[in-house]
Amino acid sequence: MSGAIGCEAMWWLLAQIVLVQLHGPAGQEIFVNPKEVTSVRQPQAIAERHFAPGVRCILFMVNGNFIGVTDLCDDVRKLLTYRGVTP
C-alpha cells in the first residue's frame, strides 16, 4: 500500500517540474529547467570562436556549466520570465 502512495507522490513531483525548450547549434532540442539558469548573455565577439557556429545566446547554469543555444537571448529571457524565473 505504501508503494502506491510513493508512486503518487512521485507523479506529483514530476508534474511540478517545468522545462523550457531551446535549440542547439546542430538543430537539436534542448530542454532546460528555468530554475537552474543563473544568467543569460550574448557571446562576446572575442569569445565567439569558443562556441559552435550559430550560437546566439549562452545560458549559465547553477552547476557551473554553460549551454550555447541558437535562440535569441531576448526570446530566452521571455521564456524564462514567463515560467516564473528572471535570470
PDB file of N, CA and C in Angstrom:
ATOM      1  N   MET A   1       0.818  -1.196   0.000  1.00  0.00           N
ATOM      2  CA  MET A   1       0.000   0.000   0.000  1.00  0.00           C
ATOM      3  C   MET A   1       0.867   1.268   0.000  1.00  0.00           C
ATOM      4  N   SER A   2       1.945   1.264   0.804  1.00  0.00           N
ATOM      5  CA  SER A   2       2.782   2.463   0.860  1.00  0.00           C
ATOM      6  C   SER A   2       3.491   2.710  -0.468  1.00  0.00           C
ATOM      7  N   GLY A   3       3.737   1.634  -1.258  1.00  0.00           N
ATOM      8  CA  GLY A   3       4.349   1.808  -2.568  1.00  0.00           C
ATOM      9  C   GLY A   3       3.475   2.633  -3.494  1.00  0.00           C
ATOM     10  N   ALA A   4       2.167   2.455  -3.400  1.00  0.00           N
ATOM     11  CA  ALA A   4       1.248   3.217  -4.240  1.00  0.00           C
ATOM     12  C   ALA A   4       1.264   4.693  -3.870  1.00  0.00           C
ATOM     13  N   ILE A   5       1.353   4.985  -2.596  1.00  0.00           N
ATOM     14  CA  ILE A   5       1.406   6.382  -2.146  1.00  0.00           C
ATOM     15  C   ILE A   5       2.705   7.025  -2.625  1.00  0.00           C
ATOM     16  N   GLY A   6       3.804   6.284  -2.538  1.00  0.00           N
ATOM     17  CA  GLY A   6       5.083   6.800  -3.013  1.00  0.00           C
ATOM     18  C   GLY A   6       5.039   7.103  -4.502  1.00  0.00           C
ATOM     19  N   CYS A   7       4.379   6.238  -5.253  1.00  0.00           N
ATOM     20  CA  CYS A   7       4.241   6.440  -6.700  1.00  0.00           C
ATOM     21  C   CYS A   7       3.418   7.689  -6.996  1.00  0.00           C
ATOM     22  N   GLU A   8       2.342   7.899  -6.265  1.00  0.00           N
ATOM     23  CA  GLU A   8       1.519   9.100  -6.443  1.00  0.00           C
ATOM     24  C   GLU A   8       2.323  10.351  -6.120  1.00  0.00           C
ATOM     25  N   ALA A   9       3.117  10.284  -5.067  1.00  0.00           N
ATOM     26  CA  ALA A   9       3.945  11.431  -4.696  1.00  0.00           C
ATOM     27  C   ALA A   9       4.965  11.727  -5.795  1.00  0.00           C
ATOM     28  N   MET A  10       5.522  10.680  -6.405  1.00  0.00           N
ATOM     29  CA  MET A  10       6.494  10.868  -7.470  1.00  0.00           C
ATOM     30  C   MET A  10       5.837  11.531  -8.684  1.00  0.00           C
ATOM     31  N   TRP A  11       4.647  11.103  -9.060  1.00  0.00           N
ATOM     32  CA  TRP A  11       3.950  11.725 -10.182  1.00  0.00           C
ATOM     33  C   TRP A  11       3.642  13.185  -9.901  1.00  0.00           C
ATOM     34  N   TRP A  12       3.285  13.511  -8.667  1.00  0.00           N
ATOM     35  CA  TRP A  12       3.021  14.899  -8.303  1.00  0.00           C
ATOM     36  C   TRP A  12       4.295  15.725  -8.459  1.00  0.00           C
ATOM     37  N   LEU A  13       5.416  15.162  -8.016  1.00  0.00           N
ATOM     38  CA  LEU A  13       6.695  15.867  -8.135  1.00  0.00           C
ATOM     39  C   LEU A  13       7.044  16.100  -9.603  1.00  0.00           C
ATOM     40  N   LEU A  14       6.887  15.084 -10.430  1.00  0.00           N
ATOM     41  CA  LEU A  14       7.194  15.236 -11.849  1.00  0.00           C
ATOM     42  C   LEU A  14       6.285  16.260 -12.516  1.00  0.00           C
ATOM     43  N   ALA A  15       5.067  16.365 -12.059  1.00  0.00           N
ATOM     44  CA  ALA A  15       4.131  17.331 -12.639  1.00  0.00           C
ATOM     45  C   ALA A  15       4.530  18.761 -12.290  1.00  0.00           C
ATOM     46  N   GLN A  16       5.348  18.946 -11.273  1.00  0.00           N
ATOM     47  CA  GLN A  16       5.761  20.277 -10.842  1.00  0.00           C
ATOM     48  C   GLN A  16       7.017  20.783 -11.548  1.00  0.00           C
ATOM     49  N   ILE A  17       7.708  19.932 -12.295  1.00  0.00           N
ATOM     50  CA  ILE A  17       8.924  20.337 -12.991  1.00  0.00           C
ATOM     51  C   ILE A  17       8.539  21.012 -14.304  1.00  0.00           C
ATOM     52  N   VAL A  18       9.092  22.208 -14.531  1.00  0.00           N
ATOM     53  CA  VAL A  18       8.819  22.966 -15.753  1.00  0.00           C
ATOM     54  C   VAL A  18      10.107  23.028 -16.555  1.00  0.00           C
ATOM     55  N   LEU A  19      10.017  22.723 -17.821  1.00  0.00           N
ATOM     56  CA  LEU A  19      11.168  22.797 -18.709  1.00  0.00           C
ATOM     57  C   LEU A  19      10.875  23.748 -19.862  1.00  0.00           C
ATOM     58  N   VAL A  20      11.913  24.428 -20.321  1.00  0.00           N
ATOM     59  CA  VAL A  20      11.814  25.335 -21.456  1.00  0.00           C
ATOM     60  C   VAL A  20      12.554  24.687 -22.623  1.00  0.00           C
ATOM     61  N   GLN A  21      11.940  24.705 -23.793  1.00  0.00           N
ATOM     62  CA  GLN A  21      12.569  24.114 -24.971  1.00  0.00           C
ATOM     63  C   GLN A  21      13.351  25.166 -25.737  1.00  0.00           C
ATOM     64  N   LEU A  22      14.645  24.893 -25.926  1.00  0.00           N
ATOM     65  CA  LEU A  22      15.523  25.762 -26.705  1.00  0.00           C
ATOM     66  C   LEU A  22      16.144  24.918 -27.813  1.00  0.00           C
ATOM     67  N   HIS A  23      17.031  25.525 -28.597  1.00  0.00           N
ATOM     68  CA  HIS A  23      17.588  24.824 -29.749  1.00  0.00           C
ATOM     69  C   HIS A  23      19.103  24.968 -29.782  1.00  0.00           C
ATOM     70  N   GLY A  24      19.780  23.847 -29.983  1.00  0.00           N
ATOM     71  CA  GLY A  24      21.235  23.823 -30.053  1.00  0.00           C
ATOM     72  C   GLY A  24      21.739  24.146 -31.444  1.00  0.00           C
ATOM     73  N   PRO A  25      23.040  24.363 -31.580  1.00  0.00           N
ATOM     74  CA  PRO A  25      23.617  24.761 -32.862  1.00  0.00           C
ATOM     75  C   PRO A  25      23.501  23.693 -33.954  1.00  0.00           C
ATOM     76  N   ALA A  26      23.313  22.435 -33.587  1.00  0.00           N
ATOM     77  CA  ALA A  26      23.145  21.368 -34.575  1.00  0.00           C
ATOM     78  C   ALA A  26      21.669  21.089 -34.851  1.00  0.00           C
ATOM     79  N   GLY A  27      20.790  21.973 -34.345  1.00  0.00           N
ATOM     80  CA  GLY A  27      19.361  21.820 -34.559  1.00  0.00           C
ATOM     81  C   GLY A  27      18.669  20.953 -33.525  1.00  0.00           C
ATOM     82  N   GLN A  28      19.409  20.460 -32.543  1.00  0.00           N
ATOM     83  CA  GLN A  28      18.817  19.594 -31.533  1.00  0.00           C
ATOM     84  C   GLN A  28      17.960  20.398 -30.553  1.00  0.00           C
ATOM     85  N   GLU A  29      16.974  19.720 -29.982  1.00  0.00           N
ATOM     86  CA  GLU A  29      16.138  20.343 -28.948  1.00  0.00           C
ATOM     87  C   GLU A  29      16.857  20.212 -27.617  1.00  0.00           C
ATOM     88  N   ILE A  30      16.854  21.288 -26.856  1.00  0.00           N
ATOM     89  CA  ILE A  30      17.470  21.295 -25.532  1.00  0.00           C
ATOM     90  C   ILE A  30      16.398  21.718 -24.543  1.00  0.00           C
ATOM     91  N   PHE A  31      16.168  20.897 -23.536  1.00  0.00           N
ATOM     92  CA  PHE A  31      15.176  21.207 -22.514  1.00  0.00           C
ATOM     93  C   PHE A  31      15.909  21.634 -21.247  1.00  0.00           C
ATOM     94  N   VAL A  32      15.555  22.817 -20.736  1.00  0.00           N
ATOM     95  CA  VAL A  32      16.250  23.423 -19.597  1.00  0.00           C
ATOM     96  C   VAL A  32      15.248  23.728 -18.492  1.00  0.00           C
ATOM     97  N   ASN A  33      15.637  23.428 -17.263  1.00  0.00           N
ATOM     98  CA  ASN A  33      14.844  23.818 -16.101  1.00  0.00           C
ATOM     99  C   ASN A  33      15.162  25.294 -15.807  1.00  0.00           C
ATOM    100  N   PRO A  34      14.196  26.191 -15.936  1.00  0.00           N
ATOM    101  CA  PRO A  34      14.467  27.619 -15.736  1.00  0.00           C
ATOM    102  C   PRO A  34      15.056  27.949 -14.365  1.00  0.00           C
ATOM    103  N   LYS A  35      14.749  27.151 -13.366  1.00  0.00           N
ATOM    104  CA  LYS A  35      15.268  27.422 -12.018  1.00  0.00           C
ATOM    105  C   LYS A  35      16.747  27.088 -11.890  1.00  0.00           C
ATOM    106  N   GLU A  36      17.310  26.439 -12.904  1.00  0.00           N
ATOM    107  CA  GLU A  36      18.726  26.088 -12.894  1.00  0.00           C
ATOM    108  C   GLU A  36      19.583  27.100 -13.649  1.00  0.00           C
ATOM    109  N   VAL A  37      18.962  28.108 -14.265  1.00  0.00           N
ATOM    110  CA  VAL A  37      19.681  29.114 -15.050  1.00  0.00           C
ATOM    111  C   VAL A  37      20.033  30.296 -14.143  1.00  0.00           C
ATOM    112  N   THR A  38      21.330  30.646 -14.103  1.00  0.00           N
ATOM    113  CA  THR A  38      21.750  31.776 -13.272  1.00  0.00           C
ATOM    114  C   THR A  38      21.841  33.080 -14.052  1.00  0.00           C
ATOM    115  N   SER A  39      22.260  32.989 -15.331  1.00  0.00           N
ATOM    116  CA  SER A  39      22.315  34.194 -16.154  1.00  0.00           C
ATOM    117  C   SER A  39      22.280  33.823 -17.628  1.00  0.00           C
ATOM    118  N   VAL A  40      21.939  34.823 -18.437  1.00  0.00           N
ATOM    119  CA  VAL A  40      21.813  34.662 -19.884  1.00  0.00           C
ATOM    120  C   VAL A  40      22.561  35.813 -20.534  1.00  0.00           C
ATOM    121  N   ARG A  41      23.445  35.488 -21.496  1.00  0.00           N
ATOM    122  CA  ARG A  41      24.220  36.536 -22.171  1.00  0.00           C
ATOM    123  C   ARG A  41      24.448  36.190 -23.629  1.00  0.00           C
ATOM    124  N   GLN A  42      24.652  37.235 -24.419  1.00  0.00           N
ATOM    125  CA  GLN A  42      25.080  37.026 -25.797  1.00  0.00           C
ATOM    126  C   GLN A  42      26.583  36.760 -25.781  1.00  0.00           C
ATOM    127  N   PRO A  43      27.073  35.901 -26.678  1.00  0.00           N
ATOM    128  CA  PRO A  43      28.527  35.689 -26.722  1.00  0.00           C
ATOM    129  C   PRO A  43      29.229  36.951 -27.202  1.00  0.00           C
ATOM    130  N   GLN A  44      30.331  37.282 -26.574  1.00  0.00           N
ATOM    131  CA  GLN A  44      31.103  38.450 -26.993  1.00  0.00           C
ATOM    132  C   GLN A  44      31.861  38.105 -28.262  1.00  0.00           C
ATOM    133  N   ALA A  45      32.150  39.103 -29.056  1.00  0.00           N
ATOM    134  CA  ALA A  45      32.822  38.892 -30.343  1.00  0.00           C
ATOM    135  C   ALA A  45      34.141  38.137 -30.165  1.00  0.00           C
ATOM    136  N   ILE A  46      34.868  38.454 -29.121  1.00  0.00           N
ATOM    137  CA  ILE A  46      36.165  37.813 -28.908  1.00  0.00           C
ATOM    138  C   ILE A  46      36.013  36.337 -28.508  1.00  0.00           C
ATOM    139  N   ALA A  47      34.876  35.996 -27.903  1.00  0.00           N
ATOM    140  CA  ALA A  47      34.661  34.628 -27.440  1.00  0.00           C
ATOM    141  C   ALA A  47      33.848  33.786 -28.415  1.00  0.00           C
ATOM    142  N   GLU A  48      33.412  34.366 -29.520  1.00  0.00           N
ATOM    143  CA  GLU A  48      32.557  33.635 -30.458  1.00  0.00           C
ATOM    144  C   GLU A  48      33.238  32.396 -31.027  1.00  0.00           C
ATOM    145  N   ARG A  49      34.555  32.433 -31.157  1.00  0.00           N
ATOM    146  CA  ARG A  49      35.239  31.267 -31.716  1.00  0.00           C
ATOM    147  C   ARG A  49      35.284  30.101 -30.727  1.00  0.00           C
ATOM    148  N   HIS A  50      34.890  30.339 -29.484  1.00  0.00           N
ATOM    149  CA  HIS A  50      34.854  29.275 -28.480  1.00  0.00           C
ATOM    150  C   HIS A  50      33.558  28.484 -28.524  1.00  0.00           C
ATOM    151  N   PHE A  51      32.594  28.951 -29.280  1.00  0.00           N
ATOM    152  CA  PHE A  51      31.291  28.306 -29.356  1.00  0.00           C
ATOM    153  C   PHE A  51      31.024  27.839 -30.784  1.00  0.00           C
ATOM    154  N   ALA A  52      30.119  26.901 -30.910  1.00  0.00           N
ATOM    155  CA  ALA A  52      29.754  26.391 -32.233  1.00  0.00           C
ATOM    156  C   ALA A  52      29.149  27.520 -33.069  1.00  0.00           C
ATOM    157  N   PRO A  53      29.325  27.449 -34.379  1.00  0.00           N
ATOM    158  CA  PRO A  53      28.714  28.464 -35.253  1.00  0.00           C
ATOM    159  C   PRO A  53      27.192  28.483 -35.067  1.00  0.00           C
ATOM    160  N   GLY A  54      26.646  29.689 -35.032  1.00  0.00           N
ATOM    161  CA  GLY A  54      25.203  29.840 -34.882  1.00  0.00           C
ATOM    162  C   GLY A  54      24.737  30.080 -33.460  1.00  0.00           C
ATOM    163  N   VAL A  55      25.630  29.958 -32.472  1.00  0.00           N
ATOM    164  CA  VAL A  55      25.240  30.200 -31.082  1.00  0.00           C
ATOM    165  C   VAL A  55      24.997  31.692 -30.904  1.00  0.00           C
ATOM    166  N   ARG A  56      23.802  32.037 -30.466  1.00  0.00           N
ATOM    167  CA  ARG A  56      23.417  33.447 -30.263  1.00  0.00           C
ATOM    168  C   ARG A  56      23.246  33.807 -28.807  1.00  0.00           C
ATOM    169  N   CYS A  57      23.136  32.785 -27.958  1.00  0.00           N
ATOM    170  CA  CYS A  57      22.880  33.049 -26.547  1.00  0.00           C
ATOM    171  C   CYS A  57      23.544  31.966 -25.706  1.00  0.00           C
ATOM    172  N   ILE A  58      24.074  32.370 -24.559  1.00  0.00           N
ATOM    173  CA  ILE A  58      24.718  31.429 -23.646  1.00  0.00           C
ATOM    174  C   ILE A  58      23.975  31.465 -22.321  1.00  0.00           C
ATOM    175  N   LEU A  59      23.603  30.292 -21.848  1.00  0.00           N
ATOM    176  CA  LEU A  59      22.932  30.154 -20.551  1.00  0.00           C
ATOM    177  C   LEU A  59      23.948  29.624 -19.552  1.00  0.00           C
ATOM    178  N   PHE A  60      24.106  30.295 -18.435  1.00  0.00           N
ATOM    179  CA  PHE A  60      24.977  29.832 -17.373  1.00  0.00           C
ATOM    180  C   PHE A  60      24.113  29.150 -16.323  1.00  0.00           C
ATOM    181  N   MET A  61      24.528  27.948 -15.915  1.00  0.00           N
ATOM    182  CA  MET A  61      23.719  27.103 -15.042  1.00  0.00           C
ATOM    183  C   MET A  61      24.276  27.112 -13.615  1.00  0.00           C
ATOM    184  N   VAL A  62      23.445  26.717 -12.660  1.00  0.00           N
ATOM    185  CA  VAL A  62      23.854  26.719 -11.256  1.00  0.00           C
ATOM    186  C   VAL A  62      24.996  25.754 -10.980  1.00  0.00           C
ATOM    187  N   ASN A  63      25.157  24.715 -11.804  1.00  0.00           N
ATOM    188  CA  ASN A  63      26.228  23.753 -11.570  1.00  0.00           C
ATOM    189  C   ASN A  63      27.558  24.191 -12.187  1.00  0.00           C
ATOM    190  N   GLY A  64      27.601  25.393 -12.765  1.00  0.00           N
ATOM    191  CA  GLY A  64      28.829  25.918 -13.348  1.00  0.00           C
ATOM    192  C   GLY A  64      28.967  25.660 -14.839  1.00  0.00           C
ATOM    193  N   ASN A  65      28.114  24.846 -15.405  1.00  0.00           N
ATOM    194  CA  ASN A  65      28.144  24.589 -16.845  1.00  0.00           C
ATOM    195  C   ASN A  65      27.475  25.727 -17.600  1.00  0.00           C
ATOM    196  N   PHE A  66      27.723  25.770 -18.898  1.00  0.00           N
ATOM    197  CA  PHE A  66      27.018  26.719 -19.743  1.00  0.00           C
ATOM    198  C   PHE A  66      26.504  25.986 -20.968  1.00  0.00           C
ATOM    199  N   ILE A  67      25.439  26.541 -21.552  1.00  0.00           N
ATOM    200  CA  ILE A  67      24.805  25.945 -22.712  1.00  0.00           C
ATOM    201  C   ILE A  67      24.686  27.018 -23.793  1.00  0.00           C
ATOM    202  N   GLY A  68      25.184  26.730 -24.970  1.00  0.00           N
ATOM    203  CA  GLY A  68      25.052  27.642 -26.099  1.00  0.00           C
ATOM    204  C   GLY A  68      23.844  27.257 -26.934  1.00  0.00           C
ATOM    205  N   VAL A  69      22.978  28.209 -27.203  1.00  0.00           N
ATOM    206  CA  VAL A  69      21.771  27.949 -27.989  1.00  0.00           C
ATOM    207  C   VAL A  69      21.674  28.935 -29.150  1.00  0.00           C
ATOM    208  N   THR A  70      20.887  28.559 -30.149  1.00  0.00           N
ATOM    209  CA  THR A  70      20.719  29.425 -31.315  1.00  0.00           C
ATOM    210  C   THR A  70      19.573  30.408 -31.153  1.00  0.00           C
ATOM    211  N   ASP A  71      18.783  30.250 -30.102  1.00  0.00           N
ATOM    212  CA  ASP A  71      17.685  31.185 -29.833  1.00  0.00           C
ATOM    213  C   ASP A  71      18.256  32.538 -29.428  1.00  0.00           C
ATOM    214  N   LEU A  72      17.539  33.599 -29.748  1.00  0.00           N
ATOM    215  CA  LEU A  72      17.966  34.942 -29.337  1.00  0.00           C
ATOM    216  C   LEU A  72      17.825  35.093 -27.830  1.00  0.00           C
ATOM    217  N   CYS A  73      18.744  35.819 -27.211  1.00  0.00           N
ATOM    218  CA  CYS A  73      18.713  35.996 -25.752  1.00  0.00           C
ATOM    219  C   CYS A  73      17.416  36.659 -25.281  1.00  0.00           C
ATOM    220  N   ASP A  74      16.904  37.592 -26.046  1.00  0.00           N
ATOM    221  CA  ASP A  74      15.636  38.236 -25.661  1.00  0.00           C
ATOM    222  C   ASP A  74      14.515  37.202 -25.605  1.00  0.00           C
ATOM    223  N   ASP A  75      14.491  36.291 -26.580  1.00  0.00           N
ATOM    224  CA  ASP A  75      13.470  35.247 -26.583  1.00  0.00           C
ATOM    225  C   ASP A  75      13.651  34.291 -25.409  1.00  0.00           C
ATOM    226  N   VAL A  76      14.902  33.950 -25.113  1.00  0.00           N
ATOM    227  CA  VAL A  76      15.192  33.058 -23.980  1.00  0.00           C
ATOM    228  C   VAL A  76      14.741  33.713 -22.670  1.00  0.00           C
ATOM    229  N   ARG A  77      15.051  34.997 -22.510  1.00  0.00           N
ATOM    230  CA  ARG A  77      14.637  35.702 -21.290  1.00  0.00           C
ATOM    231  C   ARG A  77      13.115  35.720 -21.151  1.00  0.00           C
ATOM    232  N   LYS A  78      12.416  35.933 -22.266  1.00  0.00           N
ATOM    233  CA  LYS A  78      10.952  35.934 -22.227  1.00  0.00           C
ATOM    234  C   LYS A  78      10.419  34.573 -21.786  1.00  0.00           C
ATOM    235  N   LEU A  79      10.980  33.504 -22.334  1.00  0.00           N
ATOM    236  CA  LEU A  79      10.545  32.159 -21.948  1.00  0.00           C
ATOM    237  C   LEU A  79      10.799  31.903 -20.462  1.00  0.00           C
ATOM    238  N   LEU A  80      11.978  32.293 -19.992  1.00  0.00           N
ATOM    239  CA  LEU A  80      12.308  32.055 -18.586  1.00  0.00           C
ATOM    240  C   LEU A  80      11.455  32.903 -17.662  1.00  0.00           C
ATOM    241  N   THR A  81      11.197  34.155 -18.049  1.00  0.00           N
ATOM    242  CA  THR A  81      10.367  35.032 -17.239  1.00  0.00           C
ATOM    243  C   THR A  81       8.923  34.538 -17.213  1.00  0.00           C
ATOM    244  N   TYR A  82       8.453  34.052 -18.350  1.00  0.00           N
ATOM    245  CA  TYR A  82       7.085  33.509 -18.424  1.00  0.00           C
ATOM    246  C   TYR A  82       6.940  32.319 -17.480  1.00  0.00           C
ATOM    247  N   ARG A  83       8.018  31.570 -17.297  1.00  0.00           N
ATOM    248  CA  ARG A  83       7.982  30.400 -16.414  1.00  0.00           C
ATOM    249  C   ARG A  83       8.268  30.770 -14.967  1.00  0.00           C
ATOM    250  N   GLY A  84       8.355  32.060 -14.665  1.00  0.00           N
ATOM    251  CA  GLY A  84       8.488  32.480 -13.274  1.00  0.00           C
ATOM    252  C   GLY A  84       9.899  32.693 -12.798  1.00  0.00           C
ATOM    253  N   VAL A  85      10.871  32.742 -13.700  1.00  0.00           N
ATOM    254  CA  VAL A  85      12.258  32.927 -13.325  1.00  0.00           C
ATOM    255  C   VAL A  85      12.788  34.119 -14.090  1.00  0.00           C
ATOM    256  N   THR A  86      13.543  34.982 -13.427  1.00  0.00           N
ATOM    257  CA  THR A  86      14.161  36.115 -14.105  1.00  0.00           C
ATOM    258  C   THR A  86      15.661  36.031 -13.922  1.00  0.00           C
ATOM    259  N   PRO A  87      16.385  35.578 -14.970  1.00  0.00           N
ATOM    260  CA  PRO A  87      17.844  35.461 -14.858  1.00  0.00           C
ATOM    261  C   PRO A  87      18.531  36.805 -14.949  1.00  0.00           C
TER     262      PRO A  87
END
